Amino acid sequence: MIDKKLEILKAGKVLFAEKGFKDTNVSEITKKAGIATGTFYNYYTSKDKLFMDIYLEENKKLKKSMLEQVDVDAHPMKVIGEVMKLNTIGMQQNPILREWYNKGVFSRIEQVYREENGIGQVDFVYGFFFELIEKWQREDKMRKDIEPEMIMAIFGAIINVDTHKDEIGIQYFPKLMDYLVEFIMNELLINLNDK
């Protein structure tokens, strides 16, 4: 017996990658999965929910890949810079993760997901960095007077700037992001040049 939920996930992933969220509908997903449309709703309340599950899984894979490529014991400024670059490249190369930049679509999907799963269930940015921030604070590399949650919110704000590059002016990117990261990290880091 086939795992129907797995078939829905696989079909959704293929179609969202090929056509995007907006141009994919539930009947196409169920046809590709080889199930009845009604069966879809036994597993997912909406196309939005399916997309978010796929998006979160793709995001988790990207973050795992980034951690494998970065020397987390390097200077925090270098680690953050590398992670920001790898994240941007990974999101641009993955058609599902690229939907993050489609503000009209993504904000609606995220809202539906949060309503169904709770406000704390969606961490799109650098959830895996939380332990690293705590480690840097223990090692006296990063300020301790700012809680790790606030530092995570600061990183989240940097990523959200990227989704507004058209409004800010595309000609300023990616240099604007480099400057923002540099300025923020200079304030967060304890002077490591003396160590």
N, C-alpha and C. Protein backbone atom coordinates (compact mmCIF):
# COMPACT_ATOMS: atom_id res chain seq x y z
N MET A 1 0.84 -1.19 0.00
CA MET A 1 0.00 0.00 0.00
C MET A 1 0.89 1.25 0.00
N ILE A 2 0.60 2.18 -0.90
CA ILE A 2 1.42 3.39 -0.98
C ILE A 2 1.10 4.35 0.15
N ASP A 3 2.10 5.09 0.55
CA ASP A 3 1.91 6.12 1.55
C ASP A 3 1.34 7.34 0.81
N LYS A 4 0.05 7.57 0.97
CA LYS A 4 -0.62 8.62 0.22
C LYS A 4 -0.08 10.01 0.55
N LYS A 5 0.23 10.24 1.81
CA LYS A 5 0.77 11.55 2.19
C LYS A 5 2.11 11.78 1.51
N LEU A 6 2.95 10.75 1.47
CA LEU A 6 4.25 10.86 0.80
C LEU A 6 4.06 11.14 -0.69
N GLU A 7 3.08 10.48 -1.31
CA GLU A 7 2.82 10.72 -2.73
C GLU A 7 2.34 12.15 -2.98
N ILE A 8 1.52 12.66 -2.08
CA ILE A 8 1.06 14.05 -2.19
C ILE A 8 2.26 15.00 -2.07
N LEU A 9 3.12 14.75 -1.10
CA LEU A 9 4.32 15.58 -0.91
C LEU A 9 5.21 15.56 -2.15
N LYS A 10 5.45 14.37 -2.69
CA LYS A 10 6.31 14.26 -3.88
C LYS A 10 5.69 14.98 -5.08
N ALA A 11 4.39 14.78 -5.30
CA ALA A 11 3.71 15.43 -6.42
C ALA A 11 3.70 16.94 -6.24
N GLY A 12 3.40 17.39 -5.03
CA GLY A 12 3.40 18.82 -4.76
C GLY A 12 4.75 19.45 -4.99
N LYS A 13 5.78 18.78 -4.53
CA LYS A 13 7.14 19.31 -4.70
C LYS A 13 7.49 19.47 -6.18
N VAL A 14 7.18 18.48 -6.97
CA VAL A 14 7.47 18.54 -8.41
C VAL A 14 6.68 19.68 -9.06
N LEU A 15 5.40 19.75 -8.78
CA LEU A 15 4.56 20.77 -9.42
C LEU A 15 4.89 22.19 -8.94
N PHE A 16 5.11 22.37 -7.65
CA PHE A 16 5.48 23.69 -7.15
C PHE A 16 6.80 24.14 -7.75
N ALA A 17 7.74 23.19 -7.91
CA ALA A 17 9.04 23.52 -8.50
C ALA A 17 8.89 23.89 -9.97
N GLU A 18 8.03 23.17 -10.69
CA GLU A 18 7.85 23.42 -12.13
C GLU A 18 7.01 24.65 -12.42
N LYS A 19 5.91 24.80 -11.68
CA LYS A 19 4.91 25.82 -12.02
C LYS A 19 4.81 26.97 -11.03
N GLY A 20 5.37 26.80 -9.85
CA GLY A 20 5.22 27.79 -8.80
C GLY A 20 3.95 27.54 -8.01
N PHE A 21 3.88 28.17 -6.85
CA PHE A 21 2.73 27.98 -5.97
C PHE A 21 1.44 28.43 -6.62
N LYS A 22 1.44 29.64 -7.15
CA LYS A 22 0.22 30.27 -7.66
C LYS A 22 -0.41 29.47 -8.81
N ASP A 23 0.41 28.90 -9.68
CA ASP A 23 -0.10 28.21 -10.86
C ASP A 23 -0.31 26.72 -10.68
N THR A 24 -0.20 26.25 -9.45
CA THR A 24 -0.44 24.84 -9.15
C THR A 24 -1.74 24.73 -8.37
N ASN A 25 -2.58 23.76 -8.75
CA ASN A 25 -3.83 23.58 -8.00
C ASN A 25 -3.92 22.16 -7.43
N VAL A 26 -4.83 21.98 -6.51
CA VAL A 26 -4.98 20.72 -5.79
C VAL A 26 -5.31 19.58 -6.74
N SER A 27 -6.14 19.81 -7.73
CA SER A 27 -6.50 18.71 -8.63
C SER A 27 -5.29 18.22 -9.44
N GLU A 28 -4.39 19.13 -9.79
CA GLU A 28 -3.16 18.70 -10.48
C GLU A 28 -2.28 17.87 -9.55
N ILE A 29 -2.21 18.28 -8.31
CA ILE A 29 -1.40 17.55 -7.33
C ILE A 29 -1.95 16.15 -7.12
N THR A 30 -3.27 16.04 -6.96
CA THR A 30 -3.87 14.73 -6.70
C THR A 30 -3.78 13.83 -7.94
N LYS A 31 -3.90 14.41 -9.11
CA LYS A 31 -3.76 13.62 -10.34
C LYS A 31 -2.35 13.05 -10.43
N LYS A 32 -1.36 13.88 -10.18
CA LYS A 32 0.03 13.45 -10.25
C LYS A 32 0.32 12.42 -9.16
N ALA A 33 -0.31 12.58 -7.98
CA ALA A 33 -0.10 11.65 -6.86
C ALA A 33 -0.88 10.35 -7.04
N GLY A 34 -1.84 10.34 -7.98
CA GLY A 34 -2.63 9.14 -8.22
C GLY A 34 -3.67 8.87 -7.15
N ILE A 35 -4.23 9.96 -6.61
CA ILE A 35 -5.26 9.82 -5.58
C ILE A 35 -6.45 10.69 -5.94
N ALA A 36 -7.57 10.44 -5.26
CA ALA A 36 -8.76 11.27 -5.46
C ALA A 36 -8.56 12.62 -4.77
N THR A 37 -9.20 13.65 -5.32
CA THR A 37 -9.07 14.99 -4.75
C THR A 37 -9.52 15.02 -3.29
N GLY A 38 -10.58 14.32 -2.97
CA GLY A 38 -11.07 14.28 -1.59
C GLY A 38 -10.04 13.70 -0.62
N THR A 39 -9.25 12.76 -1.12
CA THR A 39 -8.22 12.14 -0.28
C THR A 39 -7.17 13.16 0.16
N PHE A 40 -6.89 14.12 -0.71
CA PHE A 40 -5.92 15.17 -0.39
C PHE A 40 -6.27 15.82 0.96
N TYR A 41 -7.55 16.11 1.13
CA TYR A 41 -8.01 16.83 2.33
C TYR A 41 -8.01 15.98 3.60
N ASN A 42 -7.77 14.68 3.46
CA ASN A 42 -7.55 13.83 4.64
C ASN A 42 -6.18 14.10 5.25
N TYR A 43 -5.28 14.65 4.43
CA TYR A 43 -3.91 14.88 4.87
C TYR A 43 -3.55 16.36 5.01
N TYR A 44 -4.16 17.20 4.19
CA TYR A 44 -3.85 18.64 4.20
C TYR A 44 -5.14 19.43 4.11
N THR A 45 -5.23 20.49 4.90
CA THR A 45 -6.42 21.33 4.89
C THR A 45 -6.46 22.26 3.68
N SER A 46 -5.27 22.49 3.08
CA SER A 46 -5.21 23.40 1.93
C SER A 46 -3.92 23.20 1.16
N LYS A 47 -3.88 23.76 -0.02
CA LYS A 47 -2.67 23.79 -0.83
C LYS A 47 -1.59 24.58 -0.09
N ASP A 48 -1.99 25.62 0.62
CA ASP A 48 -1.06 26.45 1.38
C ASP A 48 -0.30 25.62 2.40
N LYS A 49 -1.02 24.78 3.12
CA LYS A 49 -0.41 23.94 4.15
C LYS A 49 0.58 22.96 3.54
N LEU A 50 0.21 22.34 2.44
CA LEU A 50 1.12 21.43 1.74
C LEU A 50 2.38 22.18 1.32
N PHE A 51 2.20 23.36 0.74
CA PHE A 51 3.35 24.12 0.28
C PHE A 51 4.28 24.44 1.45
N MET A 52 3.70 24.87 2.58
CA MET A 52 4.54 25.22 3.73
C MET A 52 5.31 24.02 4.25
N ASP A 53 4.71 22.85 4.27
CA ASP A 53 5.43 21.65 4.70
C ASP A 53 6.61 21.37 3.76
N ILE A 54 6.38 21.51 2.47
CA ILE A 54 7.45 21.30 1.49
C ILE A 54 8.51 22.38 1.63
N TYR A 55 8.06 23.63 1.78
CA TYR A 55 8.99 24.75 1.93
C TYR A 55 9.89 24.56 3.15
N LEU A 56 9.29 24.19 4.28
CA LEU A 56 10.05 24.02 5.51
C LEU A 56 11.06 22.88 5.39
N GLU A 57 10.68 21.82 4.69
CA GLU A 57 11.60 20.69 4.48
C GLU A 57 12.77 21.12 3.58
N GLU A 58 12.48 21.86 2.52
CA GLU A 58 13.54 22.36 1.63
C GLU A 58 14.45 23.33 2.38
N ASN A 59 13.86 24.16 3.22
CA ASN A 59 14.62 25.12 4.01
C ASN A 59 15.55 24.39 4.99
N LYS A 60 15.04 23.32 5.61
CA LYS A 60 15.84 22.54 6.54
C LYS A 60 17.04 21.91 5.81
N LYS A 61 16.80 21.40 4.60
CA LYS A 61 17.90 20.81 3.81
C LYS A 61 18.95 21.86 3.47
N LEU A 62 18.50 23.05 3.11
CA LEU A 62 19.44 24.13 2.79
C LEU A 62 20.28 24.47 4.02
N LYS A 63 19.65 24.62 5.17
CA LYS A 63 20.38 24.98 6.38
C LYS A 63 21.39 23.89 6.75
N LYS A 64 21.01 22.62 6.60
CA LYS A 64 21.93 21.51 6.89
C LYS A 64 23.12 21.57 5.95
N SER A 65 22.87 21.80 4.68
CA SER A 65 23.94 21.92 3.69
C SER A 65 24.87 23.09 4.02
N MET A 66 24.29 24.20 4.45
CA MET A 66 25.10 25.36 4.81
C MET A 66 26.01 25.04 5.98
N LEU A 67 25.49 24.38 6.99
CA LEU A 67 26.30 24.03 8.16
C LEU A 67 27.46 23.11 7.79
N GLU A 68 27.23 22.24 6.80
CA GLU A 68 28.28 21.33 6.35
C GLU A 68 29.38 22.07 5.59
N GLN A 69 29.05 23.22 5.02
CA GLN A 69 30.01 23.97 4.20
C GLN A 69 30.77 25.04 4.98
N VAL A 70 30.28 25.40 6.17
CA VAL A 70 30.86 26.51 6.91
C VAL A 70 31.64 25.99 8.12
N ASP A 71 32.79 26.57 8.36
CA ASP A 71 33.57 26.25 9.56
C ASP A 71 33.01 27.09 10.71
N VAL A 72 32.16 26.48 11.53
CA VAL A 72 31.49 27.22 12.59
C VAL A 72 32.44 27.66 13.69
N ASP A 73 33.69 27.17 13.66
CA ASP A 73 34.68 27.60 14.64
C ASP A 73 35.49 28.80 14.15
N ALA A 74 35.22 29.24 12.94
CA ALA A 74 35.91 30.42 12.41
C ALA A 74 35.39 31.67 13.12
N HIS A 75 35.99 32.80 12.82
CA HIS A 75 35.57 34.09 13.39
C HIS A 75 34.08 34.28 13.08
N PRO A 76 33.28 34.68 14.07
CA PRO A 76 31.84 34.86 13.84
C PRO A 76 31.49 35.74 12.64
N MET A 77 32.27 36.80 12.38
CA MET A 77 31.99 37.66 11.23
C MET A 77 32.09 36.86 9.93
N LYS A 78 33.10 36.01 9.86
CA LYS A 78 33.29 35.17 8.66
C LYS A 78 32.14 34.16 8.54
N VAL A 79 31.78 33.54 9.65
CA VAL A 79 30.70 32.54 9.64
C VAL A 79 29.40 33.17 9.16
N ILE A 80 29.04 34.31 9.73
CA ILE A 80 27.79 34.97 9.36
C ILE A 80 27.82 35.37 7.89
N GLY A 81 28.92 35.94 7.44
CA GLY A 81 29.04 36.35 6.03
C GLY A 81 28.86 35.18 5.09
N GLU A 82 29.52 34.06 5.39
CA GLU A 82 29.41 32.87 4.54
C GLU A 82 27.98 32.31 4.55
N VAL A 83 27.39 32.27 5.72
CA VAL A 83 26.02 31.75 5.83
C VAL A 83 25.05 32.62 5.03
N MET A 84 25.19 33.94 5.15
CA MET A 84 24.29 34.85 4.41
C MET A 84 24.42 34.61 2.90
N LYS A 85 25.64 34.47 2.43
CA LYS A 85 25.86 34.24 0.99
C LYS A 85 25.29 32.90 0.55
N LEU A 86 25.59 31.85 1.33
CA LEU A 86 25.09 30.51 0.98
C LEU A 86 23.57 30.47 1.02
N ASN A 87 22.97 31.16 1.99
CA ASN A 87 21.52 31.19 2.08
C ASN A 87 20.91 31.86 0.85
N THR A 88 21.47 32.99 0.46
CA THR A 88 20.96 33.71 -0.71
C THR A 88 21.08 32.86 -1.97
N ILE A 89 22.25 32.25 -2.17
CA ILE A 89 22.46 31.40 -3.35
C ILE A 89 21.50 30.23 -3.33
N GLY A 90 21.38 29.56 -2.17
CA GLY A 90 20.49 28.40 -2.06
C GLY A 90 19.04 28.74 -2.33
N MET A 91 18.60 29.88 -1.84
CA MET A 91 17.21 30.29 -2.05
C MET A 91 16.95 30.64 -3.51
N GLN A 92 17.92 31.26 -4.15
CA GLN A 92 17.75 31.63 -5.55
C GLN A 92 17.79 30.42 -6.48
N GLN A 93 18.52 29.39 -6.09
CA GLN A 93 18.65 28.20 -6.94
C GLN A 93 17.50 27.21 -6.76
N ASN A 94 16.80 27.28 -5.67
CA ASN A 94 15.72 26.34 -5.40
C ASN A 94 14.38 27.01 -5.72
N PRO A 95 13.65 26.48 -6.72
CA PRO A 95 12.39 27.14 -7.12
C PRO A 95 11.34 27.21 -6.01
N ILE A 96 11.36 26.27 -5.09
CA ILE A 96 10.39 26.31 -3.99
C ILE A 96 10.80 27.39 -2.98
N LEU A 97 12.06 27.43 -2.62
CA LEU A 97 12.54 28.45 -1.68
C LEU A 97 12.48 29.84 -2.29
N ARG A 98 12.57 29.92 -3.59
CA ARG A 98 12.50 31.22 -4.28
C ARG A 98 11.14 31.89 -4.10
N GLU A 99 10.13 31.13 -3.76
CA GLU A 99 8.79 31.70 -3.52
C GLU A 99 8.81 32.69 -2.36
N TRP A 100 9.84 32.60 -1.50
CA TRP A 100 10.01 33.57 -0.40
C TRP A 100 9.98 34.99 -0.94
N TYR A 101 10.53 35.18 -2.13
CA TYR A 101 10.63 36.52 -2.72
C TYR A 101 9.32 36.98 -3.35
N ASN A 102 8.36 36.09 -3.49
CA ASN A 102 7.05 36.43 -4.04
C ASN A 102 6.18 36.88 -2.85
N LYS A 103 6.32 38.14 -2.48
CA LYS A 103 5.72 38.64 -1.23
C LYS A 103 4.22 38.41 -1.14
N GLY A 104 3.50 38.67 -2.22
CA GLY A 104 2.05 38.52 -2.18
C GLY A 104 1.62 37.11 -1.86
N VAL A 105 2.31 36.15 -2.45
CA VAL A 105 1.99 34.75 -2.24
C VAL A 105 2.48 34.30 -0.87
N PHE A 106 3.74 34.59 -0.57
CA PHE A 106 4.33 34.00 0.62
C PHE A 106 3.73 34.53 1.91
N SER A 107 3.43 35.80 1.97
CA SER A 107 2.86 36.33 3.22
C SER A 107 1.51 35.69 3.51
N ARG A 108 0.72 35.41 2.47
CA ARG A 108 -0.58 34.76 2.66
C ARG A 108 -0.40 33.32 3.14
N ILE A 109 0.53 32.61 2.51
CA ILE A 109 0.78 31.21 2.89
C ILE A 109 1.26 31.14 4.33
N GLU A 110 2.20 32.02 4.67
CA GLU A 110 2.76 32.02 6.02
C GLU A 110 1.67 32.31 7.04
N GLN A 111 0.77 33.25 6.73
CA GLN A 111 -0.31 33.60 7.66
C GLN A 111 -1.23 32.41 7.91
N VAL A 112 -1.61 31.71 6.85
CA VAL A 112 -2.46 30.53 6.99
C VAL A 112 -1.76 29.48 7.84
N TYR A 113 -0.48 29.26 7.57
CA TYR A 113 0.27 28.25 8.31
C TYR A 113 0.35 28.60 9.79
N ARG A 114 0.63 29.87 10.08
CA ARG A 114 0.73 30.30 11.48
C ARG A 114 -0.61 30.13 12.20
N GLU A 115 -1.70 30.45 11.50
CA GLU A 115 -3.03 30.31 12.11
C GLU A 115 -3.33 28.85 12.45
N GLU A 116 -2.89 27.94 11.58
CA GLU A 116 -3.16 26.52 11.81
C GLU A 116 -2.21 25.89 12.82
N ASN A 117 -0.96 26.37 12.88
CA ASN A 117 0.07 25.69 13.66
C ASN A 117 0.62 26.49 14.83
N GLY A 118 0.24 27.73 14.95
CA GLY A 118 0.75 28.55 16.04
C GLY A 118 1.88 29.46 15.58
N ILE A 119 1.98 30.58 16.23
CA ILE A 119 2.91 31.63 15.83
C ILE A 119 4.37 31.18 15.89
N GLY A 120 4.70 30.30 16.82
CA GLY A 120 6.09 29.90 16.98
C GLY A 120 6.55 28.78 16.08
N GLN A 121 5.69 28.31 15.21
CA GLN A 121 6.03 27.13 14.42
C GLN A 121 6.77 27.43 13.11
N VAL A 122 6.94 28.67 12.76
CA VAL A 122 7.58 28.98 11.49
C VAL A 122 8.85 29.77 11.75
N ASP A 123 9.97 29.15 11.48
CA ASP A 123 11.26 29.84 11.61
C ASP A 123 11.97 29.71 10.28
N PHE A 124 11.85 30.74 9.45
CA PHE A 124 12.39 30.68 8.10
C PHE A 124 13.85 31.07 8.01
N VAL A 125 14.35 31.69 9.01
CA VAL A 125 15.63 32.35 8.83
C VAL A 125 16.76 31.46 9.32
N TYR A 126 17.23 31.67 10.51
CA TYR A 126 18.40 30.96 10.96
C TYR A 126 18.17 30.25 12.28
N GLY A 127 17.13 29.46 12.34
CA GLY A 127 16.84 28.74 13.57
C GLY A 127 18.00 27.91 14.06
N PHE A 128 18.77 27.34 13.13
CA PHE A 128 19.89 26.51 13.52
C PHE A 128 21.02 27.33 14.13
N PHE A 129 20.97 28.65 14.02
CA PHE A 129 22.02 29.52 14.54
C PHE A 129 21.89 29.78 16.03
N PHE A 130 20.74 29.46 16.58
CA PHE A 130 20.49 29.78 17.98
C PHE A 130 21.58 29.21 18.90
N GLU A 131 21.91 27.93 18.72
CA GLU A 131 22.93 27.29 19.55
C GLU A 131 24.30 27.91 19.31
N LEU A 132 24.57 28.29 18.07
CA LEU A 132 25.85 28.92 17.74
C LEU A 132 25.98 30.28 18.43
N ILE A 133 24.90 31.03 18.45
CA ILE A 133 24.91 32.33 19.14
C ILE A 133 25.19 32.13 20.63
N GLU A 134 24.52 31.15 21.23
CA GLU A 134 24.76 30.86 22.65
C GLU A 134 26.22 30.45 22.89
N LYS A 135 26.76 29.67 21.97
CA LYS A 135 28.16 29.24 22.08
C LYS A 135 29.07 30.46 22.02
N TRP A 136 28.85 31.36 21.07
CA TRP A 136 29.68 32.56 20.95
C TRP A 136 29.57 33.42 22.21
N GLN A 137 28.38 33.47 22.79
CA GLN A 137 28.23 34.24 24.03
C GLN A 137 29.00 33.58 25.18
N ARG A 138 28.92 32.27 25.30
CA ARG A 138 29.67 31.56 26.34
C ARG A 138 31.18 31.76 26.18
N GLU A 139 31.62 31.83 24.92
CA GLU A 139 33.05 31.98 24.63
C GLU A 139 33.49 33.45 24.64
N ASP A 140 32.60 34.34 25.07
CA ASP A 140 32.90 35.78 25.11
C ASP A 140 33.28 36.36 23.75
N LYS A 141 32.63 35.85 22.71
CA LYS A 141 32.84 36.38 21.37
C LYS A 141 31.70 37.32 20.97
N MET A 142 30.57 37.17 21.61
CA MET A 142 29.39 37.96 21.27
C MET A 142 28.80 38.55 22.54
N ARG A 143 28.23 39.72 22.40
CA ARG A 143 27.62 40.40 23.55
C ARG A 143 26.62 39.51 24.26
N LYS A 144 26.65 39.56 25.59
CA LYS A 144 25.73 38.77 26.40
C LYS A 144 24.55 39.59 26.88
N ASP A 145 24.61 40.91 26.69
CA ASP A 145 23.52 41.76 27.16
C ASP A 145 22.33 41.75 26.20
N ILE A 146 22.48 41.08 25.07
CA ILE A 146 21.38 40.92 24.11
C ILE A 146 21.04 39.43 24.05
N GLU A 147 19.80 39.11 24.32
CA GLU A 147 19.39 37.70 24.35
C GLU A 147 19.48 37.08 22.96
N PRO A 148 19.79 35.77 22.91
CA PRO A 148 19.89 35.09 21.61
C PRO A 148 18.63 35.26 20.74
N GLU A 149 17.44 35.31 21.38
CA GLU A 149 16.20 35.49 20.61
C GLU A 149 16.20 36.84 19.90
N MET A 150 16.71 37.87 20.56
CA MET A 150 16.77 39.19 19.94
C MET A 150 17.79 39.19 18.81
N ILE A 151 18.91 38.52 19.00
CA ILE A 151 19.91 38.44 17.94
C ILE A 151 19.31 37.72 16.73
N MET A 152 18.54 36.66 16.99
CA MET A 152 17.86 35.95 15.90
C MET A 152 16.89 36.89 15.18
N ALA A 153 16.18 37.72 15.94
CA ALA A 153 15.25 38.68 15.32
C ALA A 153 16.01 39.68 14.46
N ILE A 154 17.19 40.07 14.90
CA ILE A 154 18.01 40.99 14.10
C ILE A 154 18.40 40.33 12.78
N PHE A 155 18.84 39.07 12.84
CA PHE A 155 19.18 38.36 11.61
C PHE A 155 17.95 38.22 10.71
N GLY A 156 16.80 37.96 11.33
CA GLY A 156 15.56 37.87 10.56
C GLY A 156 15.24 39.16 9.85
N ALA A 157 15.49 40.29 10.52
CA ALA A 157 15.25 41.59 9.90
C ALA A 157 16.16 41.81 8.70
N ILE A 158 17.40 41.35 8.81
CA ILE A 158 18.32 41.47 7.67
C ILE A 158 17.78 40.71 6.47
N ILE A 159 17.32 39.49 6.70
CA ILE A 159 16.79 38.68 5.60
C ILE A 159 15.55 39.33 5.01
N ASN A 160 14.71 39.92 5.86
CA ASN A 160 13.50 40.57 5.34
C ASN A 160 13.81 41.78 4.48
N VAL A 161 14.95 42.44 4.72
CA VAL A 161 15.37 43.55 3.86
C VAL A 161 15.54 43.04 2.43
N ASP A 162 16.07 41.83 2.31
CA ASP A 162 16.30 41.25 0.98
C ASP A 162 15.01 41.11 0.18
N THR A 163 13.89 40.87 0.86
CA THR A 163 12.62 40.71 0.15
C THR A 163 12.06 42.05 -0.34
N HIS A 164 12.69 43.15 0.07
CA HIS A 164 12.24 44.48 -0.33
C HIS A 164 13.25 45.20 -1.22
N LYS A 165 14.13 44.42 -1.86
CA LYS A 165 15.19 45.05 -2.64
C LYS A 165 14.67 45.88 -3.79
N ASP A 166 13.55 45.50 -4.38
CA ASP A 166 12.99 46.31 -5.48
C ASP A 166 12.57 47.69 -4.99
N GLU A 167 11.98 47.74 -3.81
CA GLU A 167 11.55 49.02 -3.26
C GLU A 167 12.73 49.88 -2.81
N ILE A 168 13.76 49.24 -2.27
CA ILE A 168 14.94 49.96 -1.80
C ILE A 168 15.78 50.43 -2.97
N GLY A 169 15.86 49.60 -3.98
CA GLY A 169 16.67 49.90 -5.16
C GLY A 169 17.62 48.75 -5.44
N ILE A 170 17.33 48.00 -6.48
CA ILE A 170 18.10 46.79 -6.80
C ILE A 170 19.58 47.11 -7.01
N GLN A 171 19.86 48.36 -7.43
CA GLN A 171 21.26 48.74 -7.69
C GLN A 171 22.11 48.71 -6.43
N TYR A 172 21.48 48.72 -5.25
CA TYR A 172 22.23 48.72 -4.00
C TYR A 172 22.55 47.32 -3.48
N PHE A 173 21.96 46.32 -4.11
CA PHE A 173 22.19 44.95 -3.65
C PHE A 173 23.27 44.29 -4.48
N PRO A 174 24.08 43.41 -3.97
CA PRO A 174 24.09 42.87 -2.61
C PRO A 174 24.94 43.70 -1.63
N LYS A 175 25.54 44.79 -2.11
CA LYS A 175 26.44 45.58 -1.25
C LYS A 175 25.71 46.09 0.01
N LEU A 176 24.44 46.49 -0.14
CA LEU A 176 23.68 46.95 1.02
C LEU A 176 23.62 45.86 2.09
N MET A 177 23.38 44.63 1.67
CA MET A 177 23.32 43.51 2.62
C MET A 177 24.67 43.31 3.30
N ASP A 178 25.75 43.42 2.52
CA ASP A 178 27.09 43.29 3.11
C ASP A 178 27.31 44.34 4.20
N TYR A 179 26.93 45.58 3.91
CA TYR A 179 27.11 46.66 4.88
C TYR A 179 26.25 46.43 6.13
N LEU A 180 24.99 46.04 5.93
CA LEU A 180 24.12 45.79 7.08
C LEU A 180 24.69 44.71 7.99
N VAL A 181 25.14 43.61 7.38
CA VAL A 181 25.72 42.52 8.17
C VAL A 181 26.96 43.01 8.90
N GLU A 182 27.82 43.74 8.20
CA GLU A 182 29.05 44.25 8.82
C GLU A 182 28.74 45.17 10.00
N PHE A 183 27.84 46.13 9.80
CA PHE A 183 27.51 47.08 10.85
C PHE A 183 26.90 46.38 12.07
N ILE A 184 25.98 45.47 11.81
CA ILE A 184 25.31 44.77 12.91
C ILE A 184 26.29 43.86 13.64
N MET A 185 27.08 43.11 12.89
CA MET A 185 28.03 42.20 13.53
C MET A 185 29.08 42.97 14.32
N ASN A 186 29.51 44.12 13.83
CA ASN A 186 30.47 44.93 14.59
C ASN A 186 29.91 45.35 15.94
N GLU A 187 28.61 45.56 16.02
CA GLU A 187 27.98 45.92 17.29
C GLU A 187 27.73 44.71 18.19
N LEU A 188 27.51 43.55 17.58
CA LEU A 188 27.22 42.35 18.36
C LEU A 188 28.48 41.67 18.90
N LEU A 189 29.57 41.79 18.17
CA LEU A 189 30.78 41.07 18.54
C LEU A 189 31.58 41.83 19.58
N ILE A 190 32.16 41.08 20.46
CA ILE A 190 33.12 41.64 21.40
C ILE A 190 34.43 41.71 20.62
N ASN A 191 35.21 42.73 20.85
CA ASN A 191 36.42 42.93 20.07
C ASN A 191 37.32 41.70 20.15
N LEU A 192 37.35 40.95 19.04
CA LEU A 192 38.14 39.72 19.01
C LEU A 192 39.57 39.96 18.54
N ASN A 193 39.84 41.17 18.06
CA ASN A 193 41.19 41.47 17.58
C ASN A 193 42.20 41.46 18.72
N ASP A 194 41.71 41.67 19.95
CA ASP A 194 42.60 41.70 21.10
C ASP A 194 42.90 40.32 21.65
N LYS A 195 42.23 39.30 21.08
CA LYS A 195 42.39 37.95 21.63
C LYS A 195 43.32 37.12 20.78
